Structure formats: C-alpha cells, structure tokens
Amino acid sequence: MNSNAASDYRNPATVRKAGMDALQKELGTVGAVYFLRQFEVGTGNYTEEREQLLAGITLNEIVKSVRELDAQNE
C-alpha cells in the first residue's frame, strides 16, 4: 500500500494486508511472527484452571518458593 488516500481501510482484507506489510517492514518476518503470537486466542477457562492450580497454596508458600528460586538463580 503506497497511498493511504487510495486505500479502503473499511475492508478487513485491506487493513490486514497493510498491517502485515507494516509489521514485516518494521520488524522483519521473524519479528512480525513473534509479535503476532502475543495475540493468540487461548482456550479453556483460566479462572477455573487457576483456582484448581492454586487450591490449598498459601501466600507464605508462594513467597517461600519465589525466594528459593531467586537463591538458585544467584
């Protein structure tokens, strides 16, 4: 897309093409792919999964685990 004035940005295909062109120009192909992967639609129910994952874990246990990980990475 060379001219914004000549482009019909109401057309989703036009907007998608212009956006992809801009991403690739600015970030390169690999960078554009990494950028787009940030917006991947997830599946499942995050709230239910989080509640199951954290069931029975106290804040003190979480703090202790974080401190242990920090000590390992020093």
PDB file of N, CA and C in Angstrom:
ATOM      1  N   MET A   1       0.838  -1.175   0.000  1.00  0.00           N
ATOM      2  CA  MET A   1       0.000   0.000   0.000  1.00  0.00           C
ATOM      3  C   MET A   1       0.886   1.243   0.000  1.00  0.00           C
ATOM      4  N   ASN A   2       0.858   1.967  -1.037  1.00  0.00           N
ATOM      5  CA  ASN A   2       1.698   3.149  -1.135  1.00  0.00           C
ATOM      6  C   ASN A   2       0.999   4.406  -0.663  1.00  0.00           C
ATOM      7  N   SER A   3      -0.312   4.473  -0.856  1.00  0.00           N
ATOM      8  CA  SER A   3      -1.014   5.708  -0.545  1.00  0.00           C
ATOM      9  C   SER A   3      -2.186   5.422   0.376  1.00  0.00           C
ATOM     10  N   ASN A   4      -2.195   6.060   1.529  1.00  0.00           N
ATOM     11  CA  ASN A   4      -3.311   5.887   2.444  1.00  0.00           C
ATOM     12  C   ASN A   4      -4.607   6.425   1.857  1.00  0.00           C
ATOM     13  N   ALA A   5      -4.524   7.475   1.060  1.00  0.00           N
ATOM     14  CA  ALA A   5      -5.715   8.088   0.485  1.00  0.00           C
ATOM     15  C   ALA A   5      -6.422   7.142  -0.472  1.00  0.00           C
ATOM     16  N   ALA A   6      -5.679   6.274  -1.157  1.00  0.00           N
ATOM     17  CA  ALA A   6      -6.268   5.385  -2.151  1.00  0.00           C
ATOM     18  C   ALA A   6      -6.717   4.058  -1.543  1.00  0.00           C
ATOM     19  N   SER A   7      -6.455   3.824  -0.273  1.00  0.00           N
ATOM     20  CA  SER A   7      -6.779   2.556   0.359  1.00  0.00           C
ATOM     21  C   SER A   7      -8.136   2.610   1.033  1.00  0.00           C
ATOM     22  N   ASP A   8      -8.872   1.496   0.927  1.00  0.00           N
ATOM     23  CA  ASP A   8     -10.170   1.385   1.587  1.00  0.00           C
ATOM     24  C   ASP A   8      -9.962   0.629   2.894  1.00  0.00           C
ATOM     25  N   TYR A   9      -9.747   1.357   3.977  1.00  0.00           N
ATOM     26  CA  TYR A   9      -9.477   0.726   5.259  1.00  0.00           C
ATOM     27  C   TYR A   9     -10.732   0.216   5.951  1.00  0.00           C
ATOM     28  N   ARG A  10     -11.883   0.338   5.288  1.00  0.00           N
ATOM     29  CA  ARG A  10     -13.095  -0.293   5.812  1.00  0.00           C
ATOM     30  C   ARG A  10     -13.129  -1.760   5.438  1.00  0.00           C
ATOM     31  N   ASN A  11     -12.293  -2.140   4.486  1.00  0.00           N
ATOM     32  CA  ASN A  11     -12.226  -3.531   4.030  1.00  0.00           C
ATOM     33  C   ASN A  11     -11.238  -4.283   4.932  1.00  0.00           C
ATOM     34  N   PRO A  12     -11.707  -5.293   5.679  1.00  0.00           N
ATOM     35  CA  PRO A  12     -10.822  -6.015   6.598  1.00  0.00           C
ATOM     36  C   PRO A  12      -9.588  -6.620   5.920  1.00  0.00           C
ATOM     37  N   ALA A  13      -9.732  -7.090   4.707  1.00  0.00           N
ATOM     38  CA  ALA A  13      -8.587  -7.674   3.993  1.00  0.00           C
ATOM     39  C   ALA A  13      -7.536  -6.614   3.687  1.00  0.00           C
ATOM     40  N   THR A  14      -7.977  -5.421   3.346  1.00  0.00           N
ATOM     41  CA  THR A  14      -7.056  -4.315   3.068  1.00  0.00           C
ATOM     42  C   THR A  14      -6.292  -3.917   4.325  1.00  0.00           C
ATOM     43  N   VAL A  15      -7.014  -3.810   5.438  1.00  0.00           N
ATOM     44  CA  VAL A  15      -6.383  -3.434   6.708  1.00  0.00           C
ATOM     45  C   VAL A  15      -5.388  -4.511   7.138  1.00  0.00           C
ATOM     46  N   ARG A  16      -5.794  -5.779   7.013  1.00  0.00           N
ATOM     47  CA  ARG A  16      -4.915  -6.885   7.385  1.00  0.00           C
ATOM     48  C   ARG A  16      -3.638  -6.874   6.549  1.00  0.00           C
ATOM     49  N   LYS A  17      -3.759  -6.662   5.237  1.00  0.00           N
ATOM     50  CA  LYS A  17      -2.599  -6.639   4.344  1.00  0.00           C
ATOM     51  C   LYS A  17      -1.684  -5.465   4.682  1.00  0.00           C
ATOM     52  N   ALA A  18      -2.263  -4.297   4.893  1.00  0.00           N
ATOM     53  CA  ALA A  18      -1.458  -3.117   5.228  1.00  0.00           C
ATOM     54  C   ALA A  18      -0.748  -3.321   6.560  1.00  0.00           C
ATOM     55  N   GLY A  19      -1.441  -3.887   7.530  1.00  0.00           N
ATOM     56  CA  GLY A  19      -0.844  -4.146   8.833  1.00  0.00           C
ATOM     57  C   GLY A  19       0.293  -5.140   8.742  1.00  0.00           C
ATOM     58  N   MET A  20       0.090  -6.225   8.011  1.00  0.00           N
ATOM     59  CA  MET A  20       1.144  -7.233   7.849  1.00  0.00           C
ATOM     60  C   MET A  20       2.352  -6.648   7.125  1.00  0.00           C
ATOM     61  N   ASP A  21       2.092  -5.852   6.106  1.00  0.00           N
ATOM     62  CA  ASP A  21       3.191  -5.204   5.382  1.00  0.00           C
ATOM     63  C   ASP A  21       3.994  -4.291   6.312  1.00  0.00           C
ATOM     64  N   ALA A  22       3.290  -3.515   7.134  1.00  0.00           N
ATOM     65  CA  ALA A  22       3.962  -2.591   8.055  1.00  0.00           C
ATOM     66  C   ALA A  22       4.769  -3.363   9.102  1.00  0.00           C
ATOM     67  N   LEU A  23       4.182  -4.424   9.653  1.00  0.00           N
ATOM     68  CA  LEU A  23       4.899  -5.241  10.633  1.00  0.00           C
ATOM     69  C   LEU A  23       6.162  -5.838  10.039  1.00  0.00           C
ATOM     70  N   GLN A  24       6.019  -6.413   8.859  1.00  0.00           N
ATOM     71  CA  GLN A  24       7.172  -7.062   8.231  1.00  0.00           C
ATOM     72  C   GLN A  24       8.251  -6.038   7.882  1.00  0.00           C
ATOM     73  N   LYS A  25       7.837  -4.878   7.417  1.00  0.00           N
ATOM     74  CA  LYS A  25       8.817  -3.836   7.074  1.00  0.00           C
ATOM     75  C   LYS A  25       9.573  -3.387   8.314  1.00  0.00           C
ATOM     76  N   GLU A  26       8.845  -3.187   9.417  1.00  0.00           N
ATOM     77  CA  GLU A  26       9.442  -2.633  10.633  1.00  0.00           C
ATOM     78  C   GLU A  26      10.178  -3.681  11.462  1.00  0.00           C
ATOM     79  N   LEU A  27       9.622  -4.888  11.557  1.00  0.00           N
ATOM     80  CA  LEU A  27      10.174  -5.906  12.451  1.00  0.00           C
ATOM     81  C   LEU A  27      10.880  -7.046  11.732  1.00  0.00           C
ATOM     82  N   GLY A  28      10.696  -7.140  10.421  1.00  0.00           N
ATOM     83  CA  GLY A  28      11.194  -8.305   9.694  1.00  0.00           C
ATOM     84  C   GLY A  28      10.212  -9.454   9.870  1.00  0.00           C
ATOM     85  N   THR A  29      10.405 -10.508   9.107  1.00  0.00           N
ATOM     86  CA  THR A  29       9.458 -11.622   9.135  1.00  0.00           C
ATOM     87  C   THR A  29       9.414 -12.283  10.502  1.00  0.00           C
ATOM     88  N   VAL A  30      10.564 -12.601  11.071  1.00  0.00           N
ATOM     89  CA  VAL A  30      10.606 -13.294  12.360  1.00  0.00           C
ATOM     90  C   VAL A  30      10.019 -12.411  13.456  1.00  0.00           C
ATOM     91  N   GLY A  31      10.373 -11.144  13.483  1.00  0.00           N
ATOM     92  CA  GLY A  31       9.839 -10.233  14.485  1.00  0.00           C
ATOM     93  C   GLY A  31       8.330 -10.086  14.369  1.00  0.00           C
ATOM     94  N   ALA A  32       7.829 -10.028  13.149  1.00  0.00           N
ATOM     95  CA  ALA A  32       6.387  -9.919  12.934  1.00  0.00           C
ATOM     96  C   ALA A  32       5.667 -11.152  13.470  1.00  0.00           C
ATOM     97  N   VAL A  33       6.242 -12.317  13.245  1.00  0.00           N
ATOM     98  CA  VAL A  33       5.633 -13.556  13.745  1.00  0.00           C
ATOM     99  C   VAL A  33       5.614 -13.558  15.268  1.00  0.00           C
ATOM    100  N   TYR A  34       6.725 -13.185  15.901  1.00  0.00           N
ATOM    101  CA  TYR A  34       6.769 -13.121  17.366  1.00  0.00           C
ATOM    102  C   TYR A  34       5.737 -12.128  17.898  1.00  0.00           C
ATOM    103  N   PHE A  35       5.604 -11.002  17.228  1.00  0.00           N
ATOM    104  CA  PHE A  35       4.616 -10.006  17.642  1.00  0.00           C
ATOM    105  C   PHE A  35       3.205 -10.577  17.560  1.00  0.00           C
ATOM    106  N   LEU A  36       2.881 -11.217  16.452  1.00  0.00           N
ATOM    107  CA  LEU A  36       1.534 -11.748  16.258  1.00  0.00           C
ATOM    108  C   LEU A  36       1.211 -12.873  17.231  1.00  0.00           C
ATOM    109  N   ARG A  37       2.214 -13.645  17.619  1.00  0.00           N
ATOM    110  CA  ARG A  37       1.985 -14.749  18.556  1.00  0.00           C
ATOM    111  C   ARG A  37       1.548 -14.249  19.929  1.00  0.00           C
ATOM    112  N   GLN A  38       1.799 -12.990  20.237  1.00  0.00           N
ATOM    113  CA  GLN A  38       1.368 -12.428  21.513  1.00  0.00           C
ATOM    114  C   GLN A  38      -0.147 -12.336  21.615  1.00  0.00           C
ATOM    115  N   PHE A  39      -0.830 -12.363  20.494  1.00  0.00           N
ATOM    116  CA  PHE A  39      -2.270 -12.157  20.467  1.00  0.00           C
ATOM    117  C   PHE A  39      -3.039 -13.436  20.169  1.00  0.00           C
ATOM    118  N   GLU A  40      -2.392 -14.564  20.419  1.00  0.00           N
ATOM    119  CA  GLU A  40      -3.020 -15.863  20.193  1.00  0.00           C
ATOM    120  C   GLU A  40      -4.217 -16.010  21.132  1.00  0.00           C
ATOM    121  N   VAL A  41      -5.309 -16.517  20.595  1.00  0.00           N
ATOM    122  CA  VAL A  41      -6.504 -16.739  21.390  1.00  0.00           C
ATOM    123  C   VAL A  41      -6.320 -18.028  22.176  1.00  0.00           C
ATOM    124  N   GLY A  42      -6.489 -17.950  23.470  1.00  0.00           N
ATOM    125  CA  GLY A  42      -6.336 -19.125  24.317  1.00  0.00           C
ATOM    126  C   GLY A  42      -7.603 -19.960  24.349  1.00  0.00           C
ATOM    127  N   THR A  43      -7.497 -21.093  25.019  1.00  0.00           N
ATOM    128  CA  THR A  43      -8.656 -21.964  25.177  1.00  0.00           C
ATOM    129  C   THR A  43      -8.817 -22.288  26.652  1.00  0.00           C
ATOM    130  N   GLY A  44      -9.968 -22.787  26.999  1.00  0.00           N
ATOM    131  CA  GLY A  44     -10.213 -23.192  28.375  1.00  0.00           C
ATOM    132  C   GLY A  44     -10.738 -22.043  29.217  1.00  0.00           C
ATOM    133  N   ASN A  45     -10.875 -22.324  30.514  1.00  0.00           N
ATOM    134  CA  ASN A  45     -11.374 -21.342  31.453  1.00  0.00           C
ATOM    135  C   ASN A  45     -10.258 -21.021  32.430  1.00  0.00           C
ATOM    136  N   TYR A  46      -9.609 -19.895  32.230  1.00  0.00           N
ATOM    137  CA  TYR A  46      -8.445 -19.511  33.028  1.00  0.00           C
ATOM    138  C   TYR A  46      -8.788 -19.445  34.515  1.00  0.00           C
ATOM    139  N   THR A  47      -9.938 -18.887  34.847  1.00  0.00           N
ATOM    140  CA  THR A  47     -10.300 -18.730  36.251  1.00  0.00           C
ATOM    141  C   THR A  47     -10.423 -20.075  36.950  1.00  0.00           C
ATOM    142  N   GLU A  48     -11.117 -21.025  36.327  1.00  0.00           N
ATOM    143  CA  GLU A  48     -11.252 -22.359  36.921  1.00  0.00           C
ATOM    144  C   GLU A  48      -9.902 -23.056  37.032  1.00  0.00           C
ATOM    145  N   GLU A  49      -9.110 -22.966  35.978  1.00  0.00           N
ATOM    146  CA  GLU A  49      -7.797 -23.614  35.987  1.00  0.00           C
ATOM    147  C   GLU A  49      -6.897 -23.015  37.057  1.00  0.00           C
ATOM    148  N   ARG A  50      -6.918 -21.708  37.216  1.00  0.00           N
ATOM    149  CA  ARG A  50      -6.113 -21.039  38.235  1.00  0.00           C
ATOM    150  C   ARG A  50      -6.539 -21.469  39.626  1.00  0.00           C
ATOM    151  N   GLU A  51      -7.848 -21.544  39.864  1.00  0.00           N
ATOM    152  CA  GLU A  51      -8.351 -21.954  41.174  1.00  0.00           C
ATOM    153  C   GLU A  51      -7.926 -23.381  41.503  1.00  0.00           C
ATOM    154  N   GLN A  52      -7.950 -24.269  40.519  1.00  0.00           N
ATOM    155  CA  GLN A  52      -7.514 -25.653  40.732  1.00  0.00           C
ATOM    156  C   GLN A  52      -6.012 -25.706  40.981  1.00  0.00           C
ATOM    157  N   LEU A  53      -5.266 -24.964  40.209  1.00  0.00           N
ATOM    158  CA  LEU A  53      -3.809 -24.966  40.325  1.00  0.00           C
ATOM    159  C   LEU A  53      -3.348 -24.433  41.676  1.00  0.00           C
ATOM    160  N   LEU A  54      -4.025 -23.401  42.175  1.00  0.00           N
ATOM    161  CA  LEU A  54      -3.610 -22.754  43.408  1.00  0.00           C
ATOM    162  C   LEU A  54      -4.370 -23.247  44.648  1.00  0.00           C
ATOM    163  N   ALA A  55      -5.224 -24.241  44.479  1.00  0.00           N
ATOM    164  CA  ALA A  55      -6.009 -24.749  45.610  1.00  0.00           C
ATOM    165  C   ALA A  55      -5.086 -25.217  46.724  1.00  0.00           C
ATOM    166  N   GLY A  56      -5.311 -24.693  47.917  1.00  0.00           N
ATOM    167  CA  GLY A  56      -4.557 -25.128  49.087  1.00  0.00           C
ATOM    168  C   GLY A  56      -3.176 -24.504  49.233  1.00  0.00           C
ATOM    169  N   ILE A  57      -2.783 -23.625  48.345  1.00  0.00           N
ATOM    170  CA  ILE A  57      -1.471 -22.983  48.438  1.00  0.00           C
ATOM    171  C   ILE A  57      -1.646 -21.643  49.138  1.00  0.00           C
ATOM    172  N   THR A  58      -0.825 -21.406  50.137  1.00  0.00           N
ATOM    173  CA  THR A  58      -0.909 -20.143  50.878  1.00  0.00           C
ATOM    174  C   THR A  58       0.042 -19.113  50.283  1.00  0.00           C
ATOM    175  N   LEU A  59      -0.187 -17.864  50.633  1.00  0.00           N
ATOM    176  CA  LEU A  59       0.698 -16.792  50.181  1.00  0.00           C
ATOM    177  C   LEU A  59       2.110 -17.015  50.713  1.00  0.00           C
ATOM    178  N   ASN A  60       2.222 -17.482  51.949  1.00  0.00           N
ATOM    179  CA  ASN A  60       3.548 -17.746  52.514  1.00  0.00           C
ATOM    180  C   ASN A  60       4.301 -18.814  51.718  1.00  0.00           C
ATOM    181  N   GLU A  61       3.594 -19.830  51.234  1.00  0.00           N
ATOM    182  CA  GLU A  61       4.236 -20.865  50.415  1.00  0.00           C
ATOM    183  C   GLU A  61       4.719 -20.298  49.085  1.00  0.00           C
ATOM    184  N   ILE A  62       3.936 -19.409  48.512  1.00  0.00           N
ATOM    185  CA  ILE A  62       4.331 -18.778  47.244  1.00  0.00           C
ATOM    186  C   ILE A  62       5.578 -17.925  47.457  1.00  0.00           C
ATOM    187  N   VAL A  63       5.585 -17.133  48.508  1.00  0.00           N
ATOM    188  CA  VAL A  63       6.744 -16.278  48.812  1.00  0.00           C
ATOM    189  C   VAL A  63       7.979 -17.146  49.031  1.00  0.00           C
ATOM    190  N   LYS A  64       7.828 -18.218  49.786  1.00  0.00           N
ATOM    191  CA  LYS A  64       8.950 -19.128  50.044  1.00  0.00           C
ATOM    192  C   LYS A  64       9.494 -19.708  48.737  1.00  0.00           C
ATOM    193  N   SER A  65       8.604 -20.119  47.838  1.00  0.00           N
ATOM    194  CA  SER A  65       9.032 -20.678  46.549  1.00  0.00           C
ATOM    195  C   SER A  65       9.772 -19.646  45.705  1.00  0.00           C
ATOM    196  N   VAL A  66       9.284 -18.425  45.693  1.00  0.00           N
ATOM    197  CA  VAL A  66       9.936 -17.355  44.930  1.00  0.00           C
ATOM    198  C   VAL A  66      11.331 -17.093  45.481  1.00  0.00           C
ATOM    199  N   ARG A  67      11.444 -17.054  46.794  1.00  0.00           N
ATOM    200  CA  ARG A  67      12.753 -16.818  47.410  1.00  0.00           C
ATOM    201  C   ARG A  67      13.724 -17.958  47.102  1.00  0.00           C
ATOM    202  N   GLU A  68      13.231 -19.180  47.100  1.00  0.00           N
ATOM    203  CA  GLU A  68      14.091 -20.328  46.762  1.00  0.00           C
ATOM    204  C   GLU A  68      14.562 -20.240  45.312  1.00  0.00           C
ATOM    205  N   LEU A  69      13.667 -19.856  44.407  1.00  0.00           N
ATOM    206  CA  LEU A  69      14.047 -19.698  43.001  1.00  0.00           C
ATOM    207  C   LEU A  69      15.071 -18.585  42.836  1.00  0.00           C
ATOM    208  N   ASP A  70      14.860 -17.478  43.551  1.00  0.00           N
ATOM    209  CA  ASP A  70      15.834 -16.376  43.496  1.00  0.00           C
ATOM    210  C   ASP A  70      17.210 -16.840  43.974  1.00  0.00           C
ATOM    211  N   ALA A  71      17.228 -17.615  45.046  1.00  0.00           N
ATOM    212  CA  ALA A  71      18.504 -18.096  45.589  1.00  0.00           C
ATOM    213  C   ALA A  71      19.205 -19.029  44.600  1.00  0.00           C
ATOM    214  N   GLN A  72      18.439 -19.827  43.870  1.00  0.00           N
ATOM    215  CA  GLN A  72      19.012 -20.734  42.878  1.00  0.00           C
ATOM    216  C   GLN A  72      19.606 -19.972  41.704  1.00  0.00           C
ATOM    217  N   ASN A  73      19.032 -18.824  41.374  1.00  0.00           N
ATOM    218  CA  ASN A  73      19.464 -18.060  40.206  1.00  0.00           C
ATOM    219  C   ASN A  73      20.571 -17.070  40.516  1.00  0.00           C
ATOM    220  N   GLU A  74      21.014 -16.996  41.761  1.00  0.00           N
ATOM    221  CA  GLU A  74      22.085 -16.054  42.103  1.00  0.00           C
ATOM    222  C   GLU A  74      23.438 -16.613  41.772  1.00  0.00           C
TER     223      GLU A  74
END
